Protein backbone atom coordinates (compact mmCIF):
# COMPACT_ATOMS: atom_id res chain seq x y z
CA MET A 1 -69.41 13.53 -21.53
CA ALA A 2 -71.54 15.13 -18.84
CA LYS A 3 -73.00 18.41 -20.00
CA GLN A 4 -73.87 20.25 -16.79
CA ASP A 5 -72.12 23.57 -16.14
CA SER A 6 -69.66 23.84 -13.27
CA ARG A 7 -66.46 25.81 -12.94
CA ARG A 8 -63.05 24.28 -12.54
CA GLY A 9 -60.56 25.78 -10.11
CA THR A 10 -57.38 27.40 -11.39
CA VAL A 11 -54.50 25.01 -11.99
CA LYS A 12 -51.57 26.26 -9.93
CA TRP A 13 -49.02 23.52 -10.55
CA GLY A 14 -46.50 24.38 -13.23
CA ARG A 15 -46.18 22.01 -16.14
CA ALA A 16 -42.74 21.66 -17.64
CA LEU A 17 -41.27 20.46 -20.88
CA ALA A 18 -38.09 18.43 -20.98
CA SER A 19 -36.65 18.62 -24.46
CA ILE A 20 -33.77 16.53 -25.74
CA ALA A 21 -31.28 18.06 -28.16
CA GLY A 22 -27.98 16.88 -29.62
CA ALA A 23 -24.91 17.94 -27.70
CA THR A 24 -23.17 18.81 -30.97
CA LEU A 25 -25.91 21.19 -32.13
CA VAL A 26 -24.54 24.32 -33.79
CA LEU A 27 -26.99 27.19 -33.48
CA SER A 28 -25.47 29.50 -36.06
CA GLY A 29 -27.03 29.29 -39.48
CA ILE A 30 -30.28 27.68 -38.37
CA PRO A 31 -33.04 28.85 -40.75
CA GLY A 32 -36.03 30.85 -39.53
CA ARG A 33 -39.40 29.42 -38.68
CA ALA A 34 -40.67 26.75 -41.02
CA ALA A 35 -43.78 27.49 -43.02
CA ILE A 36 -46.89 25.90 -41.53
CA ALA A 37 -50.63 25.98 -42.17
CA ALA A 38 -52.49 29.25 -41.82
CA GLU A 39 -53.54 30.21 -38.30
CA THR A 40 -57.24 29.83 -37.45
CA ASP A 41 -59.53 31.45 -34.91
CA TRP A 42 -60.90 29.64 -31.86
CA SER A 43 -63.67 27.14 -32.57
CA ASN A 44 -65.68 24.53 -30.70
CA ILE A 45 -63.91 21.17 -31.12
CA ALA A 46 -66.15 18.95 -28.99
CA GLY A 47 -69.71 19.92 -29.86
CA PRO A 48 -72.07 19.88 -26.87
CA SER A 49 -69.54 18.09 -24.66
CA ARG A 50 -68.17 20.03 -21.71
CA GLY A 51 -64.99 19.50 -19.72
CA PHE A 52 -63.14 20.68 -16.63
CA SER A 53 -59.75 20.53 -18.39
CA ALA A 54 -58.29 21.11 -21.81
CA ILE A 55 -58.31 18.08 -24.11
CA ALA A 56 -55.01 16.17 -24.08
CA LYS A 57 -54.16 14.40 -27.32
CA VAL A 58 -51.62 12.11 -28.94
CA THR A 59 -51.49 11.22 -32.62
CA VAL A 60 -50.09 7.83 -33.62
CA GLY A 61 -50.02 6.55 -37.18
CA GLY A 62 -52.47 9.24 -38.29
CA ASN A 63 -54.98 8.31 -35.56
CA THR A 64 -55.86 10.69 -32.75
CA PHE A 65 -56.47 9.68 -29.15
CA GLU A 66 -57.92 12.34 -26.81
CA VAL A 67 -58.76 12.45 -23.10
CA VAL A 68 -60.37 15.07 -20.91
CA ARG A 69 -61.71 15.52 -17.40
CA GLY A 70 -65.47 15.73 -17.75
CA THR A 71 -67.81 17.91 -15.71
CA ASP A 72 -68.74 14.75 -13.79
CA ASN A 73 -65.04 14.54 -12.75
CA GLY A 74 -64.68 11.34 -14.74
CA VAL A 75 -62.07 10.64 -17.42
CA TRP A 76 -63.51 10.66 -20.95
CA PHE A 77 -61.98 9.41 -24.22
CA ARG A 78 -62.60 9.81 -27.92
CA TYR A 79 -60.96 8.29 -30.99
CA ASN A 80 -60.41 10.12 -34.27
CA GLY A 81 -62.81 12.93 -33.40
CA GLY A 82 -65.78 10.73 -32.52
CA ASP A 83 -68.00 11.03 -29.48
CA PHE A 84 -66.49 11.21 -26.00
CA ARG A 85 -67.17 8.12 -23.89
CA PRO A 86 -66.29 7.23 -20.29
CA LEU A 87 -62.86 5.67 -19.96
CA GLY A 88 -62.31 2.56 -17.85
CA ALA A 89 -64.09 1.11 -14.85
CA GLY A 90 -63.32 1.83 -11.21
CA HIS A 91 -61.32 4.75 -9.80
CA SER A 92 -62.17 6.94 -12.80
CA GLN A 93 -62.97 10.04 -10.72
CA THR A 94 -60.34 12.76 -10.81
CA VAL A 95 -59.82 16.38 -9.81
CA ASP A 96 -57.10 17.14 -12.37
CA GLU A 97 -56.52 16.88 -16.07
CA PRO A 98 -55.64 13.31 -17.17
CA ALA A 99 -52.40 12.56 -19.01
CA ILE A 100 -52.00 10.46 -22.16
CA VAL A 101 -48.85 9.13 -23.80
CA GLN A 102 -47.69 6.57 -26.33
CA LEU A 103 -45.64 3.79 -24.69
CA GLN A 104 -44.03 1.92 -27.56
CA ASP A 105 -46.99 0.45 -29.49
CA ARG A 106 -49.60 1.15 -26.79
CA ILE A 107 -51.57 4.10 -25.46
CA VAL A 108 -51.68 4.66 -21.70
CA VAL A 109 -53.71 7.20 -19.70
CA SER A 110 -53.19 8.17 -16.07
CA HIS A 111 -54.91 10.45 -13.57
CA ARG A 112 -54.94 11.41 -9.88
CA GLY A 113 -57.76 9.73 -8.01
CA LEU A 114 -59.80 11.33 -5.25
CA ASP A 115 -57.58 9.51 -2.75
CA GLY A 116 -54.41 11.24 -4.01
CA GLN A 117 -53.10 8.07 -5.65
CA ILE A 118 -52.21 7.67 -9.34
CA TYR A 119 -54.15 5.28 -11.57
CA TYR A 120 -53.46 4.08 -15.11
CA SER A 121 -55.25 2.25 -17.90
CA PHE A 122 -54.11 0.80 -21.26
CA LEU A 123 -56.08 1.08 -24.47
CA GLN A 124 -57.15 -2.30 -25.87
CA SER A 125 -59.50 -1.30 -28.71
CA PRO A 126 -59.97 2.38 -29.67
CA SER A 127 -63.05 1.91 -31.84
CA ALA A 128 -64.79 -0.14 -29.12
CA ASN A 129 -63.48 2.10 -26.31
CA MET A 130 -62.05 -0.94 -24.53
CA TRP A 131 -59.51 -0.25 -21.78
CA THR A 132 -57.91 -2.23 -19.04
CA GLN A 133 -59.48 -1.60 -15.64
CA TRP A 134 -57.94 1.32 -13.79
CA ALA A 135 -55.01 0.07 -11.72
CA ARG A 136 -53.14 1.93 -9.02
CA VAL A 137 -49.48 2.80 -9.44
CA PRO A 138 -47.57 0.99 -6.64
CA GLY A 139 -46.62 2.81 -3.47
CA ASP A 140 -48.18 5.89 -1.93
CA ALA A 141 -48.10 8.86 -4.28
CA TRP A 142 -50.06 11.21 -1.97
CA SER A 143 -50.24 13.57 -4.91
CA VAL A 144 -51.70 17.05 -4.91
CA SER A 145 -51.28 17.44 -8.68
CA GLY A 146 -52.24 15.59 -11.80
CA PRO A 147 -49.56 13.21 -13.07
CA SER A 148 -47.16 13.90 -15.90
CA MET A 149 -45.87 10.95 -17.92
CA VAL A 150 -42.94 10.32 -20.24
CA ALA A 151 -42.10 7.11 -22.10
CA ILE A 152 -38.44 6.24 -22.58
CA GLY A 153 -38.15 2.94 -24.45
CA PRO A 154 -40.12 0.31 -22.52
CA ASP A 155 -40.19 2.38 -19.33
CA LEU A 156 -42.92 4.77 -18.19
CA TYR A 157 -41.92 7.56 -15.81
CA VAL A 158 -44.64 9.25 -13.76
CA ASP A 159 -44.09 12.58 -11.97
CA VAL A 160 -46.30 14.20 -9.32
CA VAL A 161 -46.16 16.88 -6.66
CA GLN A 162 -46.73 15.36 -3.23
CA GLN A 163 -48.41 16.79 -0.14
CA ASP A 164 -45.15 18.29 1.11
CA GLU A 165 -44.97 20.24 -2.20
CA GLN A 166 -41.95 18.25 -3.32
CA MET A 167 -41.78 16.50 -6.67
CA ALA A 168 -41.59 12.71 -6.73
CA ASP A 169 -41.35 10.24 -9.57
CA ILE A 170 -41.55 6.52 -10.21
CA ALA A 171 -40.39 4.28 -13.06
CA LEU A 172 -42.65 1.48 -14.32
CA ARG A 173 -42.18 -1.36 -16.81
CA PHE A 174 -45.15 -3.38 -18.10
CA ASP A 175 -45.73 -6.74 -19.73
CA SER A 176 -47.72 -7.21 -22.93
CA ASN A 177 -50.97 -7.40 -20.93
CA GLY A 178 -50.44 -4.05 -19.21
CA ASN A 179 -49.39 -5.59 -15.90
CA ILE A 180 -46.40 -4.12 -14.06
CA ASN A 181 -43.26 -6.22 -14.42
CA SER A 182 -41.06 -3.96 -12.34
CA ALA A 183 -41.39 -0.65 -10.52
CA SER A 184 -39.13 1.65 -8.57
CA SER A 185 -40.36 3.38 -5.44
CA TRP A 186 -41.63 6.96 -5.33
CA THR A 187 -38.43 8.98 -5.15
CA LYS A 188 -37.84 12.65 -4.43
CA PRO A 189 -35.20 14.37 -6.54
CA TYR A 190 -31.76 15.18 -5.25
CA ARG A 191 -31.09 18.82 -4.43
CA SER A 192 -27.38 19.00 -5.29
CA PRO A 193 -26.17 19.31 -8.92
CA ILE A 194 -25.03 16.03 -10.47
CA LEU A 195 -22.98 15.74 -13.68
CA LEU A 196 -23.58 12.59 -15.72
CA VAL A 197 -20.88 11.68 -18.24
CA GLY A 198 -20.96 8.88 -20.77
CA PRO A 199 -21.65 7.94 -24.40
CA PRO A 200 -25.19 7.81 -25.83
CA GLY A 201 -27.32 4.85 -24.83
CA VAL A 202 -25.90 4.09 -21.38
CA GLY A 203 -28.90 5.41 -19.43
CA LYS A 204 -28.01 9.01 -18.59
CA THR A 205 -31.40 10.28 -19.70
CA SER A 206 -33.33 7.76 -17.60
CA LEU A 207 -31.19 8.48 -14.56
CA ALA A 208 -31.38 12.24 -15.06
CA HIS A 209 -35.16 12.03 -15.23
CA SER A 210 -35.17 10.63 -11.71
CA ILE A 211 -32.55 12.86 -10.11
CA GLY A 212 -31.91 15.88 -12.31
CA HIS A 213 -34.82 18.17 -11.50
CA ALA A 214 -34.10 21.13 -9.25
CA VAL A 215 -37.71 22.35 -9.06
CA THR A 216 -40.74 21.06 -7.21
CA ARG A 217 -43.04 20.77 -10.20
CA PRO A 218 -44.20 17.84 -12.35
CA ILE A 219 -42.72 17.63 -15.84
CA THR A 220 -43.72 16.60 -19.33
CA ARG A 221 -40.90 15.42 -21.59
CA MET A 222 -40.53 16.20 -25.30
CA SER A 223 -37.73 14.78 -27.44
CA LEU A 224 -36.05 16.94 -30.07
CA SER A 225 -33.29 14.73 -31.42
CA GLY A 226 -33.10 11.46 -29.55
CA GLN A 227 -29.81 12.45 -27.93
CA THR A 228 -29.24 12.75 -24.19
CA GLU A 229 -29.29 16.41 -23.22
CA ILE A 230 -32.31 17.22 -21.02
CA ARG A 231 -34.00 20.60 -20.95
CA ASP A 232 -36.96 21.61 -18.79
CA TYR A 233 -39.56 24.37 -18.91
CA PHE A 234 -41.54 25.11 -15.77
CA VAL A 235 -43.53 27.79 -13.98
CA GLY A 236 -41.71 29.15 -10.95
CA THR A 237 -43.20 30.40 -7.70
CA ASP A 238 -42.99 33.93 -9.16
CA LYS A 239 -45.30 32.79 -12.01
CA ALA A 240 -42.56 33.28 -14.62
CA VAL A 241 -41.65 30.51 -17.06
CA TYR A 242 -38.13 29.13 -16.74
CA VAL A 243 -35.98 27.03 -19.05
CA GLY A 244 -33.21 24.72 -17.86
CA ALA A 245 -29.70 25.01 -19.23
CA ARG A 246 -28.22 23.00 -22.08
CA ALA A 247 -25.21 20.77 -21.59
CA GLY A 248 -22.18 22.94 -20.94
CA GLN A 249 -24.37 25.58 -19.27
CA ILE A 250 -25.06 23.77 -15.99
CA SER A 251 -23.56 26.52 -13.84
CA LYS A 252 -26.04 29.03 -15.27
CA GLY A 253 -29.00 27.10 -13.92
CA ALA A 254 -32.54 27.78 -15.01
CA GLN A 255 -33.19 31.04 -16.86
CA LYS A 256 -36.43 32.95 -17.36
CA VAL A 257 -37.99 32.63 -20.78
CA PRO A 258 -37.69 36.27 -21.91
CA GLY A 259 -40.57 38.64 -22.46
CA GLY A 260 -41.93 39.09 -18.95
CA GLY A 261 -44.78 36.60 -19.26
CA LEU A 262 -46.48 35.57 -16.00
CA CYS A 263 -48.71 32.49 -15.72
CA ASP A 264 -51.68 31.72 -13.51
CA SER A 265 -51.60 28.13 -14.81
CA GLY A 266 -49.00 25.58 -15.69
CA VAL A 267 -47.09 25.83 -18.97
CA SER A 268 -47.62 23.41 -21.85
CA ALA A 269 -45.24 22.83 -24.73
CA ALA A 270 -44.85 20.92 -27.98
CA ARG A 271 -42.58 20.74 -30.99
CA LEU A 272 -43.16 20.23 -34.70
CA GLY A 273 -41.70 17.36 -36.71
CA TYR A 274 -42.30 13.66 -36.43
CA GLN A 275 -44.25 13.02 -33.25
CA ASP A 276 -43.48 9.31 -32.74
CA TYR A 277 -39.71 9.54 -33.21
CA THR A 278 -36.96 12.12 -33.55
CA VAL A 279 -34.24 12.89 -36.08
CA GLY A 280 -30.72 14.24 -35.77
CA PRO A 281 -28.85 17.17 -37.33
CA GLY A 282 -28.63 16.94 -41.11
CA HIS A 283 -32.03 15.32 -41.51
CA PRO A 284 -34.46 17.36 -43.70
CA MET A 285 -36.93 17.55 -40.79
CA TYR A 286 -34.42 18.54 -38.12
CA ASN A 287 -34.98 22.32 -38.32
CA GLN A 288 -38.74 21.76 -38.32
CA GLN A 289 -38.28 19.66 -35.19
CA LEU A 290 -36.70 22.63 -33.40
CA GLN A 291 -39.88 24.72 -33.74
CA THR A 292 -41.19 24.90 -30.15
CA LEU A 293 -44.36 26.46 -28.74
CA LEU A 294 -45.16 27.29 -25.11
CA SER A 295 -48.58 28.31 -23.78
CA CYS A 296 -50.12 29.23 -20.45
CA ILE A 297 -52.98 31.26 -18.99
CA GLY A 298 -51.67 34.67 -18.01
CA THR A 299 -52.58 36.75 -15.00
CA ASP A 300 -55.14 38.50 -17.22
CA GLY A 301 -57.01 35.20 -17.64
CA LEU A 302 -56.13 34.97 -21.34
CA VAL A 303 -54.09 32.49 -23.37
CA TRP A 304 -50.49 33.52 -24.02
CA THR A 305 -47.88 31.87 -26.26
CA ASN A 306 -44.16 32.08 -26.90
CA SER A 307 -42.27 30.33 -29.67
CA SER A 308 -38.72 29.37 -30.55
CA SER A 309 -37.06 28.36 -33.83
CA ASP A 310 -33.95 26.84 -32.26
CA GLY A 311 -35.28 24.44 -29.64
CA GLY A 312 -35.56 27.02 -26.87
CA ASP A 313 -32.31 29.00 -26.96
CA THR A 314 -33.96 32.17 -28.23
CA TRP A 315 -37.62 33.22 -28.17
CA HIS A 316 -39.92 35.39 -30.27
CA GLY A 317 -41.70 36.89 -27.24
CA TRP A 318 -44.91 36.37 -25.28
CA GLN A 319 -48.09 37.33 -27.08
CA HIS A 320 -51.79 36.58 -27.30
CA PRO A 321 -52.62 34.34 -30.25
CA SER A 322 -54.26 36.19 -33.11
CA GLY A 323 -58.03 36.45 -33.29
CA THR A 324 -60.54 36.40 -30.47
CA PRO A 325 -59.05 36.78 -26.95
CA ALA A 326 -59.31 33.34 -25.33
CA VAL A 327 -60.33 33.06 -21.67
CA SER A 328 -59.66 30.10 -19.41
CA THR A 329 -58.53 29.13 -15.92
CA SER A 330 -57.06 25.73 -16.90
CA THR A 331 -53.62 24.93 -18.29
CA PRO A 332 -53.81 24.88 -22.11
CA SER A 333 -52.96 21.70 -23.98
CA ILE A 334 -50.76 21.80 -27.09
CA SER A 335 -50.65 19.07 -29.71
CA ALA A 336 -48.49 19.10 -32.81
CA THR A 337 -48.09 17.42 -36.17
CA GLN A 338 -45.10 17.58 -38.50
CA SER A 339 -46.08 21.11 -39.55
CA SER A 340 -48.67 22.69 -37.25
CA PHE A 341 -49.61 23.31 -33.61
CA GLN A 342 -53.06 23.21 -32.06
CA ILE A 343 -53.89 24.73 -28.67
CA THR A 344 -56.99 23.51 -26.82
CA ILE A 345 -58.52 25.14 -23.75
CA ARG A 346 -61.54 24.91 -21.50
CA TRP A 347 -63.47 28.11 -22.21
CA ASP A 348 -64.31 30.31 -19.21
CA GLY A 349 -67.89 31.30 -19.98
CA THR A 350 -68.07 33.54 -16.91
CA LYS A 351 -65.66 35.97 -18.61
CA SER A 352 -66.78 35.68 -22.22
CA ALA A 353 -70.15 34.65 -23.60
CA GLN A 354 -68.75 33.64 -26.98
CA TYR A 355 -68.95 29.99 -25.88
CA PRO A 356 -70.82 28.35 -22.99
CA ASP A 357 -68.81 27.71 -19.84
CA ASN A 358 -66.52 24.65 -20.04
CA THR A 359 -66.76 24.36 -23.83
CA GLU A 360 -63.70 22.69 -25.36
CA VAL A 361 -62.28 25.06 -27.97
CA GLY A 362 -59.12 25.00 -30.04
CA LYS A 363 -57.20 26.82 -32.73
CA ARG A 364 -54.24 26.28 -35.00
CA VAL A 365 -51.36 28.51 -33.93
CA ASN A 366 -48.25 29.57 -35.81
CA PRO A 367 -44.95 29.37 -33.91
């Protein structure tokens, strides 16, 4: 990754988390927070490499896949903690953090190009850093934000904020070679409430992803149980973090996550438990799966977190993680295993000399 120093502008677009929880969930009697590994202090996780965004990561089958926006504005990739290397050929320049997701048995990365369009690439060989050439998502995205992706079965949904500050999304389906088999058009969400009724598996989740958002922000989806109730977290125009209602609470609309936290960045989120599939109530890992962590950069320029033991119905309160105060202007990235969270940030060396500017640092955080 390029090593020259250069500051990245503050990310203003709110990230959101859409979590899926069983409609029959009973909140009474849920145990407290599950025991996880001891919390650590912030440490350099990328050596001499520097980045203009936090490192985004997915873990599949015990292997880690990480992407970051380098200080050359290119997309960089590393596998299992090795060296960062440039990702893909053509249209690799970006002005936002790239997104990475597991789509069935493949890894896909996307980013916003300098032309405001969205590009994607599929991993072919992690050890050899072989990727398909960057390809443009069909249609005109005219995005002013980095993309957010969610995989639902064989379909990849991509969300952006367009030039008119309205959210738009598109659904893509690929063949085994990474070529698009079918694609919807870029669609703006409906503004009126819509109630979707039907048994599991009929497509309510996929449809709700396209039409159920009442906010003009991109989203990132996280599954809690594999059922069909959608829940979103997002940063509002007042800088507060909001959470969407559960099923049966539609009339209440989005509610502020309590504690008075205000964000100068987007909000990131993750859950514990199995990361490549979800379990239902009664499974030994179900309560672990409900452990949720949010993080953003507050108006003081420091990392803040808030955690929940019940999938986001109640919260433990906004706080700075323990240890050294962490300074950044970029949206944090949260990754999770079955039992622990890790937050990564791009260090703001203009506010703290503990690390050079744009150093990638991370820490394990308790929920």
